[in-house]
Protein backbone atom coordinates (compact mmCIF):
# COMPACT_ATOMS: atom_id res chain seq x y z
CA MET A 1 -7.06 -146.16 44.79
CA ASN A 2 -8.87 -142.86 44.26
CA ASP A 3 -8.26 -140.93 47.48
CA VAL A 4 -5.60 -138.24 47.16
CA ILE A 5 -3.38 -138.12 50.23
CA ILE A 6 -0.68 -135.74 48.94
CA ARG A 7 -1.14 -132.91 46.47
CA THR A 8 1.37 -130.17 45.82
CA GLU A 9 1.07 -127.23 43.43
CA GLY A 10 4.12 -125.17 42.56
CA LEU A 11 5.85 -126.17 45.79
CA GLN A 12 9.11 -124.26 46.33
CA LYS A 13 11.73 -123.97 49.06
CA HIS A 14 14.49 -121.35 49.00
CA TYR A 15 17.28 -120.88 51.52
CA VAL A 16 19.27 -117.66 51.94
CA LEU A 17 22.93 -118.40 52.65
CA GLY A 18 24.74 -115.11 53.00
CA ALA A 19 24.46 -113.29 49.70
CA GLU A 20 23.29 -116.42 47.90
CA THR A 21 19.77 -117.82 47.55
CA VAL A 22 19.65 -121.60 47.15
CA ARG A 23 16.51 -122.79 45.35
CA ALA A 24 16.35 -126.32 46.73
CA VAL A 25 12.84 -127.03 45.38
CA ARG A 26 11.79 -124.89 42.43
CA GLY A 27 8.16 -125.73 41.73
CA VAL A 28 6.90 -129.29 42.21
CA ASP A 29 3.41 -130.43 41.19
CA LEU A 30 2.74 -133.92 42.52
CA THR A 31 -0.28 -136.03 43.42
CA ILE A 32 -0.02 -139.24 45.45
CA HIS A 33 -3.03 -141.44 46.12
CA SER A 34 -3.83 -143.49 49.20
CA GLY A 35 -2.27 -146.96 48.95
CA GLU A 36 0.62 -145.96 46.68
CA PHE A 37 4.27 -146.90 47.27
CA VAL A 38 6.37 -144.06 45.83
CA ALA A 39 10.14 -143.65 45.73
CA ILE A 40 11.47 -140.09 45.47
CA MET A 41 14.87 -140.30 43.78
CA GLY A 42 17.58 -137.94 42.68
CA PRO A 43 21.28 -137.13 43.06
CA SER A 44 22.67 -135.16 45.97
CA GLY A 45 21.33 -131.61 45.79
CA SER A 46 18.26 -132.56 43.75
CA GLY A 47 15.87 -131.36 46.47
CA LYS A 48 14.47 -134.76 47.43
CA SER A 49 15.11 -134.49 51.20
CA THR A 50 13.87 -130.88 51.26
CA PHE A 51 10.71 -132.01 49.48
CA MET A 52 10.27 -134.87 51.97
CA ASN A 53 10.62 -132.43 54.88
CA MET A 54 7.86 -130.27 53.43
CA ILE A 55 5.40 -133.10 52.83
CA GLY A 56 6.24 -134.38 56.33
CA CYS A 57 5.31 -130.94 57.75
CA LEU A 58 8.84 -130.61 59.17
CA ASP A 59 9.53 -127.53 57.04
CA THR A 60 7.38 -124.83 55.46
CA PRO A 61 7.39 -124.01 51.74
CA THR A 62 8.65 -120.66 50.46
CA ALA A 63 5.88 -120.70 47.85
CA GLY A 64 3.22 -123.03 46.47
CA LYS A 65 0.49 -125.09 48.14
CA TYR A 66 0.41 -128.47 49.86
CA TRP A 67 -2.68 -130.49 50.74
CA LEU A 68 -2.34 -133.46 53.08
CA ASP A 69 -5.35 -135.75 53.09
CA GLY A 70 -7.50 -132.88 51.81
CA GLN A 71 -6.24 -130.27 54.28
CA LEU A 72 -4.34 -127.20 53.07
CA VAL A 73 -1.31 -127.43 55.36
CA SER A 74 -0.59 -123.68 55.35
CA THR A 75 -3.89 -123.06 57.16
CA LEU A 76 -3.04 -125.34 60.11
CA SER A 77 -1.97 -123.93 63.47
CA GLU A 78 1.24 -125.05 65.20
CA ASP A 79 -0.79 -127.33 67.50
CA GLU A 80 -2.58 -128.84 64.52
CA LEU A 81 0.73 -129.37 62.71
CA ALA A 82 2.16 -131.11 65.77
CA ARG A 83 -0.87 -133.39 65.87
CA VAL A 84 -0.45 -134.17 62.15
CA ARG A 85 3.23 -135.05 62.65
CA ASN A 86 2.39 -137.28 65.61
CA GLN A 87 -0.72 -139.02 64.34
CA ALA A 88 -1.20 -138.64 60.57
CA ILE A 89 2.40 -139.23 59.47
CA GLY A 90 4.83 -141.93 60.53
CA PHE A 91 8.53 -141.17 60.08
CA VAL A 92 11.41 -143.59 59.48
CA PHE A 93 14.91 -142.09 59.37
CA GLN A 94 18.29 -143.35 58.19
CA THR A 95 19.72 -143.00 61.70
CA PHE A 96 16.82 -144.85 63.42
CA ASN A 97 16.40 -142.07 66.07
CA LEU A 98 15.77 -144.55 68.90
CA LEU A 99 16.38 -143.93 72.59
CA PRO A 100 19.41 -146.14 73.36
CA ARG A 101 18.52 -146.77 77.00
CA ALA A 102 14.86 -147.61 76.34
CA THR A 103 13.55 -151.02 75.33
CA ALA A 104 12.12 -151.64 71.87
CA LEU A 105 8.65 -151.67 73.42
CA HIS A 106 9.13 -148.29 75.09
CA ASN A 107 10.60 -146.77 71.92
CA VAL A 108 7.50 -147.84 69.99
CA GLU A 109 5.22 -146.53 72.74
CA LEU A 110 6.64 -142.99 72.59
CA PRO A 111 4.25 -141.51 69.97
CA LEU A 112 1.33 -142.91 71.98
CA ILE A 113 2.63 -141.24 75.14
CA TYR A 114 2.70 -137.91 73.30
CA ALA A 115 -0.83 -138.62 72.05
CA GLY A 116 -2.05 -139.16 75.62
CA VAL A 117 -2.91 -142.87 75.22
CA GLY A 118 -3.20 -144.81 78.48
CA GLY A 119 -0.57 -147.33 79.60
CA LYS A 120 -2.46 -150.57 78.96
CA GLU A 121 -3.55 -149.57 75.45
CA ARG A 122 -0.04 -148.24 74.69
CA ARG A 123 1.56 -151.57 75.53
CA GLU A 124 -1.02 -153.52 73.54
CA ARG A 125 -0.64 -151.36 70.43
CA ALA A 126 3.16 -151.22 70.62
CA THR A 127 3.31 -155.00 71.10
CA GLU A 128 1.06 -155.50 68.07
CA LYS A 129 3.31 -153.39 65.84
CA LEU A 130 6.50 -155.10 67.03
CA ARG A 131 4.90 -158.45 66.20
CA LEU A 132 3.92 -157.05 62.80
CA VAL A 133 7.59 -156.34 61.98
CA GLY A 134 8.76 -159.69 63.34
CA LEU A 135 10.24 -158.53 66.64
CA ALA A 136 7.97 -160.25 69.17
CA ASP A 137 11.06 -161.82 70.75
CA ARG A 138 12.99 -158.54 71.00
CA MET A 139 10.53 -156.29 72.82
CA ASP A 140 12.63 -156.04 75.99
CA HIS A 141 15.91 -155.51 74.17
CA LYS A 142 17.51 -152.06 73.92
CA PRO A 143 18.87 -150.68 70.63
CA PRO A 144 22.56 -151.39 71.45
CA GLU A 145 21.59 -155.05 71.91
CA MET A 146 20.06 -155.25 68.44
CA SER A 147 21.33 -155.42 64.86
CA GLY A 148 20.92 -152.50 62.46
CA GLY A 149 18.07 -154.23 60.69
CA GLN A 150 16.29 -154.93 63.96
CA ARG A 151 16.69 -151.32 65.04
CA GLN A 152 15.22 -150.11 61.77
CA ARG A 153 12.28 -152.48 62.21
CA VAL A 154 11.71 -150.98 65.66
CA ALA A 155 11.68 -147.58 63.96
CA VAL A 156 9.13 -148.86 61.42
CA ALA A 157 6.94 -150.23 64.24
CA ARG A 158 7.15 -146.87 66.03
CA ALA A 159 6.18 -145.05 62.81
CA LEU A 160 3.11 -147.28 62.44
CA VAL A 161 1.88 -147.31 66.03
CA ASN A 162 -0.51 -144.37 65.58
CA GLU A 163 -1.99 -145.93 62.43
CA PRO A 164 -0.81 -143.02 60.25
CA ALA A 165 -2.33 -142.30 56.87
CA LEU A 166 1.18 -141.82 55.47
CA LEU A 167 4.54 -143.48 56.16
CA LEU A 168 7.57 -141.38 55.16
CA ALA A 169 11.00 -143.02 55.06
CA ASP A 170 14.13 -140.92 54.43
CA GLU A 171 16.99 -143.16 53.19
CA PRO A 172 15.65 -146.01 55.40
CA THR A 173 18.42 -148.40 54.33
CA GLY A 174 21.27 -145.89 54.24
CA ASN A 175 23.04 -147.36 57.30
CA LEU A 176 22.37 -151.02 56.48
CA ASP A 177 24.22 -153.68 54.49
CA SER A 178 22.68 -154.97 51.27
CA THR A 179 21.09 -158.09 52.76
CA THR A 180 19.52 -156.18 55.65
CA SER A 181 18.42 -153.43 53.25
CA GLU A 182 16.57 -156.02 51.21
CA GLU A 183 14.86 -157.34 54.34
CA ILE A 184 13.65 -153.85 55.28
CA MET A 185 12.32 -153.22 51.78
CA VAL A 186 10.49 -156.56 51.80
CA GLN A 187 8.94 -155.44 55.09
CA LEU A 188 7.87 -152.09 53.61
CA ARG A 189 6.49 -153.81 50.52
CA ALA A 190 4.38 -156.11 52.71
CA LEU A 191 3.04 -153.12 54.64
CA ASN A 192 2.11 -151.43 51.36
CA GLU A 193 0.37 -154.55 50.11
CA ALA A 194 -1.67 -154.45 53.32
CA GLY A 195 -2.80 -150.93 52.35
CA GLN A 196 -0.23 -148.59 53.91
CA THR A 197 0.68 -145.52 51.84
CA ILE A 198 4.47 -145.22 51.74
CA VAL A 199 6.81 -142.56 50.34
CA ILE A 200 10.55 -143.18 50.54
CA VAL A 201 13.49 -140.96 49.66
CA THR A 202 16.50 -142.81 48.31
CA HIS A 203 19.44 -142.34 45.97
CA GLU A 204 19.82 -146.11 45.52
CA ARG A 205 18.26 -147.48 42.36
CA ASP A 206 17.80 -151.04 43.66
CA ILE A 207 15.91 -149.72 46.70
CA ALA A 208 13.66 -147.56 44.51
CA GLU A 209 12.90 -150.58 42.30
CA VAL A 210 10.83 -152.06 45.15
CA ALA A 211 8.37 -149.17 44.90
CA ARG A 212 5.51 -149.24 42.43
CA ARG A 213 6.11 -145.64 41.34
CA GLN A 214 9.28 -143.59 41.00
CA VAL A 215 9.54 -139.80 40.97
CA HIS A 216 12.97 -138.49 39.94
CA LEU A 217 14.00 -134.99 40.96
CA ARG A 218 16.81 -132.96 39.48
CA ASP A 219 17.70 -129.37 40.39
CA GLY A 220 14.54 -129.01 42.44
CA LEU A 221 12.15 -130.08 39.67
CA ILE A 222 10.49 -133.34 38.66
CA GLU A 223 12.53 -134.87 35.85
CA ARG A 224 10.55 -138.12 35.51
CA ASP A 225 7.47 -139.65 37.14
CA PHE A 226 6.60 -143.20 36.12
CA LEU A 227 5.17 -146.53 37.25
CA ASN A 228 7.59 -149.39 37.72
CA SER A 229 6.10 -152.06 35.48
CA THR A 230 8.25 -154.81 37.05
CA VAL A 231 6.43 -154.47 40.39
CA GLU A 232 3.12 -156.24 40.84
CA THR A 233 0.62 -154.49 43.08
CA THR A 234 -2.35 -155.80 45.00
CA VAL A 235 -3.42 -152.41 46.36
């Protein structure tokens, strides 16, 4: 586990709200290696979601540097950033972000459509990822016909369909009950054990305990960064 996939140096994000400047992230130095499972934790206002948006290339830093898989992100063009978001990073959100009138299969196919992949290959790859998350029997179902846990697994399959180097999950269990949350985390753990690099943002301690490493933010700075010794890893 030597390849660095995420490296930040002095990463900052400030927002101007009227006469006030909010320093959401105030200088974060962090290195994450390929194959790690990292939980970014912190109370509301700690900067964890802002930090996730920056490493997901959804927002630009005010100051500092960010390298993704060896590339200095600030040097990438808008087209290159769009390609990174579509192909190098898979996103899983608290609210699932699925198309309600589309089947699970079509929802998972969407990133491949944007990537210009042909119909036959799209269906094959989307089917493979739905099987991977245990939804082979739900491919033709639409989100309203599925449970919250099933919808989140569709979202995980969609995030994985382009074989991204990095899977980012922002409060992935926030809308789920405790039993379903545990099922999703078991799924993510299995993906990590198969080699997938995963970074999750959560404020729930029991969810973070599934990750091998925890990074705690407070007031826009890293407060603690440690390995969870209770988690075995095969990566």
